[in-house]
C-alpha atoms as a PDB file:
ATOM      1  CA  MET A   1       9.117  17.109  -7.749  1.00  0.00           C
ATOM      2  CA  LEU A   2       7.717  16.485 -10.811  1.00  0.00           C
ATOM      3  CA  ALA A   3       5.017  19.908 -10.481  1.00  0.00           C
ATOM      4  CA  GLY A   4       8.907  21.405  -9.883  1.00  0.00           C
ATOM      5  CA  LEU A   5      10.073  20.111 -13.331  1.00  0.00           C
ATOM      6  CA  LEU A   6       6.903  21.189 -15.123  1.00  0.00           C
ATOM      7  CA  ALA A   7       6.925  24.631 -13.752  1.00  0.00           C
ATOM      8  CA  GLY A   8      11.040  24.647 -14.664  1.00  0.00           C
ATOM      9  CA  ALA A   9      10.272  23.508 -17.772  1.00  0.00           C
ATOM     10  CA  ALA A  10       6.869  26.178 -18.323  1.00  0.00           C
ATOM     11  CA  ALA A  11       9.355  29.156 -16.851  1.00  0.00           C
ATOM     12  CA  GLY A  12      11.725  28.495 -19.302  1.00  0.00           C
ATOM     13  CA  VAL A  13      10.035  27.841 -22.663  1.00  0.00           C
ATOM     14  CA  ILE A  14       7.728  31.530 -21.665  1.00  0.00           C
ATOM     15  CA  LEU A  15      11.440  33.509 -21.163  1.00  0.00           C
ATOM     16  CA  GLY A  16      11.932  32.186 -24.885  1.00  0.00           C
ATOM     17  CA  MET A  17       9.443  33.081 -26.334  1.00  0.00           C
ATOM     18  CA  LEU A  18       9.124  36.325 -24.929  1.00  0.00           C
ATOM     19  CA  TYR A  19      13.135  37.235 -25.736  1.00  0.00           C
ATOM     20  CA  ALA A  20      11.857  35.603 -29.117  1.00  0.00           C
ATOM     21  CA  PRO A  21      12.042  38.346 -31.868  1.00  0.00           C
ATOM     22  CA  GLU A  22       8.157  38.468 -32.710  1.00  0.00           C
ATOM     23  CA  GLU A  23       5.378  39.906 -32.740  1.00  0.00           C
ATOM     24  CA  GLY A  24       3.509  40.220 -29.637  1.00  0.00           C
ATOM     25  CA  LYS A  25       0.359  38.989 -30.888  1.00  0.00           C
ATOM     26  CA  GLU A  26       2.472  35.723 -32.335  1.00  0.00           C
ATOM     27  CA  THR A  27       4.131  35.318 -28.709  1.00  0.00           C
ATOM     28  CA  ARG A  28       0.656  35.604 -27.052  1.00  0.00           C
ATOM     29  CA  LYS A  29      -0.754  32.406 -28.640  1.00  0.00           C
ATOM     30  CA  LYS A  30       2.548  30.543 -28.513  1.00  0.00           C
ATOM     31  CA  ILE A  31       2.620  31.183 -24.824  1.00  0.00           C
ATOM     32  CA  LYS A  32      -1.116  30.100 -24.963  1.00  0.00           C
ATOM     33  CA  THR A  33       0.046  26.956 -27.070  1.00  0.00           C
ATOM     34  CA  LYS A  34       2.267  25.688 -25.115  1.00  0.00           C
ATOM     35  CA  ALA A  35       0.675  26.658 -21.655  1.00  0.00           C
ATOM     36  CA  ASN A  36      -1.456  24.150 -22.801  1.00  0.00           C
ATOM     37  CA  ASP A  37       0.234  21.520 -23.917  1.00  0.00           C
ATOM     38  CA  LEU A  38       2.126  21.826 -20.472  1.00  0.00           C
ATOM     39  CA  LYS A  39      -1.562  21.847 -18.875  1.00  0.00           C
ATOM     40  CA  ASP A  40      -1.682  18.293 -20.695  1.00  0.00           C
ATOM     41  CA  GLN A  41       1.127  16.679 -19.788  1.00  0.00           C
ATOM     42  CA  ALA A  42       0.613  17.585 -16.028  1.00  0.00           C
ATOM     43  CA  LYS A  43      -2.806  15.976 -16.660  1.00  0.00           C
ATOM     44  CA  ASN A  44      -1.464  13.005 -17.946  1.00  0.00           C
ATOM     45  CA  LYS A  45       1.285  12.788 -15.614  1.00  0.00           C
ATOM     46  CA  TYR A  46      -0.911  12.992 -12.972  1.00  0.00           C
ATOM     47  CA  GLY A  47      -3.135  10.213 -13.958  1.00  0.00           C
ATOM     48  CA  GLU A  48       0.183   7.534 -14.599  1.00  0.00           C
ATOM     49  CA  VAL A  49       1.272   8.730 -11.208  1.00  0.00           C
ATOM     50  CA  SER A  50      -2.336   8.153  -9.875  1.00  0.00           C
ATOM     51  CA  GLU A  51      -3.168   4.609 -11.217  1.00  0.00           C
ATOM     52  CA  LYS A  52       0.647   3.970 -10.374  1.00  0.00           C
ATOM     53  CA  VAL A  53      -0.028   4.675  -6.609  1.00  0.00           C
ATOM     54  CA  LYS A  54      -3.827   2.840  -6.822  1.00  0.00           C
ATOM     55  CA  ASP A  55      -2.242  -0.969  -8.096  1.00  0.00           C
ATOM     56  CA  GLN A  56       0.484  -0.031  -5.393  1.00  0.00           C
ATOM     57  CA  TYR A  57      -2.367   0.391  -2.247  1.00  0.00           C
ATOM     58  CA  GLY A  58      -3.839  -2.657  -4.316  1.00  0.00           C
ATOM     59  CA  ASN A  59      -0.673  -5.289  -4.343  1.00  0.00           C
ATOM     60  CA  ILE A  60       0.306  -3.651  -0.909  1.00  0.00           C
ATOM     61  CA  SER A  61      -3.529  -4.374   0.497  1.00  0.00           C
ATOM     62  CA  SER A  62      -3.273  -7.778  -1.204  1.00  0.00           C
ATOM     63  CA  THR A  63      -0.428  -8.972   0.044  1.00  0.00           C
ATOM     64  CA  PHE A  64      -1.061  -7.567   3.700  1.00  0.00           C
ATOM     65  CA  LYS A  65      -4.529  -9.787   3.598  1.00  0.00           C
ATOM     66  CA  GLU A  66      -2.844 -12.679   2.887  1.00  0.00           C
ATOM     67  CA  THR A  67      -0.556 -12.187   5.078  1.00  0.00           C
ATOM     68  CA  ALA A  68      -2.714 -11.949   8.180  1.00  0.00           C
ATOM     69  CA  ASN A  69      -5.421 -14.457   7.142  1.00  0.00           C
ATOM     70  CA  SER A  70      -1.677 -17.625   6.887  1.00  0.00           C
ATOM     71  CA  VAL A  71      -0.805 -15.698  10.274  1.00  0.00           C
ATOM     72  CA  ALA A  72      -4.289 -16.059  11.533  1.00  0.00           C
ATOM     73  CA  HIS A  73      -4.375 -19.747  10.024  1.00  0.00           C
ATOM     74  CA  THR A  74      -0.965 -20.296  12.030  1.00  0.00           C
ATOM     75  CA  VAL A  75      -2.274 -19.575  15.426  1.00  0.00           C
ATOM     76  CA  LYS A  76      -5.345 -20.995  14.959  1.00  0.00           C
ATOM     77  CA  ASP A  77      -3.544 -24.332  14.142  1.00  0.00           C
ATOM     78  CA  GLY A  78      -1.055 -24.043  17.275  1.00  0.00           C
ATOM     79  CA  TYR A  79      -4.029 -23.649  19.605  1.00  0.00           C
ATOM     80  CA  ASP A  80      -5.565 -26.345  18.882  1.00  0.00           C
ATOM     81  CA  LYS A  81      -2.880 -28.129  18.770  1.00  0.00           C
ATOM     82  CA  TYR A  82      -1.504 -27.520  22.575  1.00  0.00           C
ATOM     83  CA  LYS A  83      -5.640 -26.915  23.486  1.00  0.00           C
ATOM     84  CA  ASP A  84      -5.504 -30.755  22.606  1.00  0.00           C
ATOM     85  CA  GLN A  85      -2.129 -31.073  24.587  1.00  0.00           C
ATOM     86  CA  ILE A  86      -3.482 -29.686  27.630  1.00  0.00           C
ATOM     87  CA  VAL A  87      -7.435 -31.317  27.452  1.00  0.00           C
ATOM     88  CA  SER A  88      -5.048 -34.522  26.603  1.00  0.00           C
ATOM     89  CA  LYS A  89      -2.786 -34.009  29.760  1.00  0.00           C
ATOM     90  CA  THR A  90      -5.531 -32.264  32.548  1.00  0.00           C
ATOM     91  CA  ALA A  91      -7.631 -35.837  31.976  1.00  0.00           C
ATOM     92  CA  ASP A  92      -4.568 -38.161  32.529  1.00  0.00           C
ATOM     93  CA  LEU A  93      -3.837 -35.510  35.403  1.00  0.00           C
ATOM     94  CA  ALA A  94      -8.090 -35.984  37.040  1.00  0.00           C
ATOM     95  CA  LYS A  95      -7.587 -39.357  36.285  1.00  0.00           C
ATOM     96  CA  ASP A  96      -4.578 -40.465  38.330  1.00  0.00           C
ATOM     97  CA  VAL A  97      -5.851 -38.144  41.416  1.00  0.00           C
ATOM     98  CA  GLU A  98      -8.335 -40.224  41.465  1.00  0.00           C
ATOM     99  CA  ALA A  99      -6.312 -43.209  41.843  1.00  0.00           C
ATOM    100  CA  GLU A 100      -4.666 -42.124  44.058  1.00  0.00           C
ATOM    101  CA  LEU A 101      -7.845 -40.552  46.263  1.00  0.00           C
ATOM    102  CA  ASN A 102      -9.013 -44.477  45.609  1.00  0.00           C
ATOM    103  CA  ASP A 103      -5.605 -46.126  46.545  1.00  0.00           C
ATOM    104  CA  LEU A 104      -6.094 -43.835  49.570  1.00  0.00           C
ATOM    105  CA  LYS A 105      -9.850 -44.744  50.880  1.00  0.00           C
ATOM    106  CA  LYS A 106      -8.311 -48.364  50.802  1.00  0.00           C
END
């Protein structure tokens, strides 16, 4: 979109100069100057857009890392909590089974 805008502006400037009542040498000089100005403007805009994209990528990357770390901690905490409960219940069940076996042996 930016390239189209700049190309349209350049075409308008060039056409305006070509139809201006000036000497050919002077017109070519103005066209060259305007073309260089437009080229510099395009480079500056490209640099600005490039920096914004880099910043946004950095922000998104940082947010993703923070979210991934948060999810990982939540999952680990849940795993540890339920692991302890399962181990505890299994130990209780083993004691109950052992007690039942001892009662049956009597």
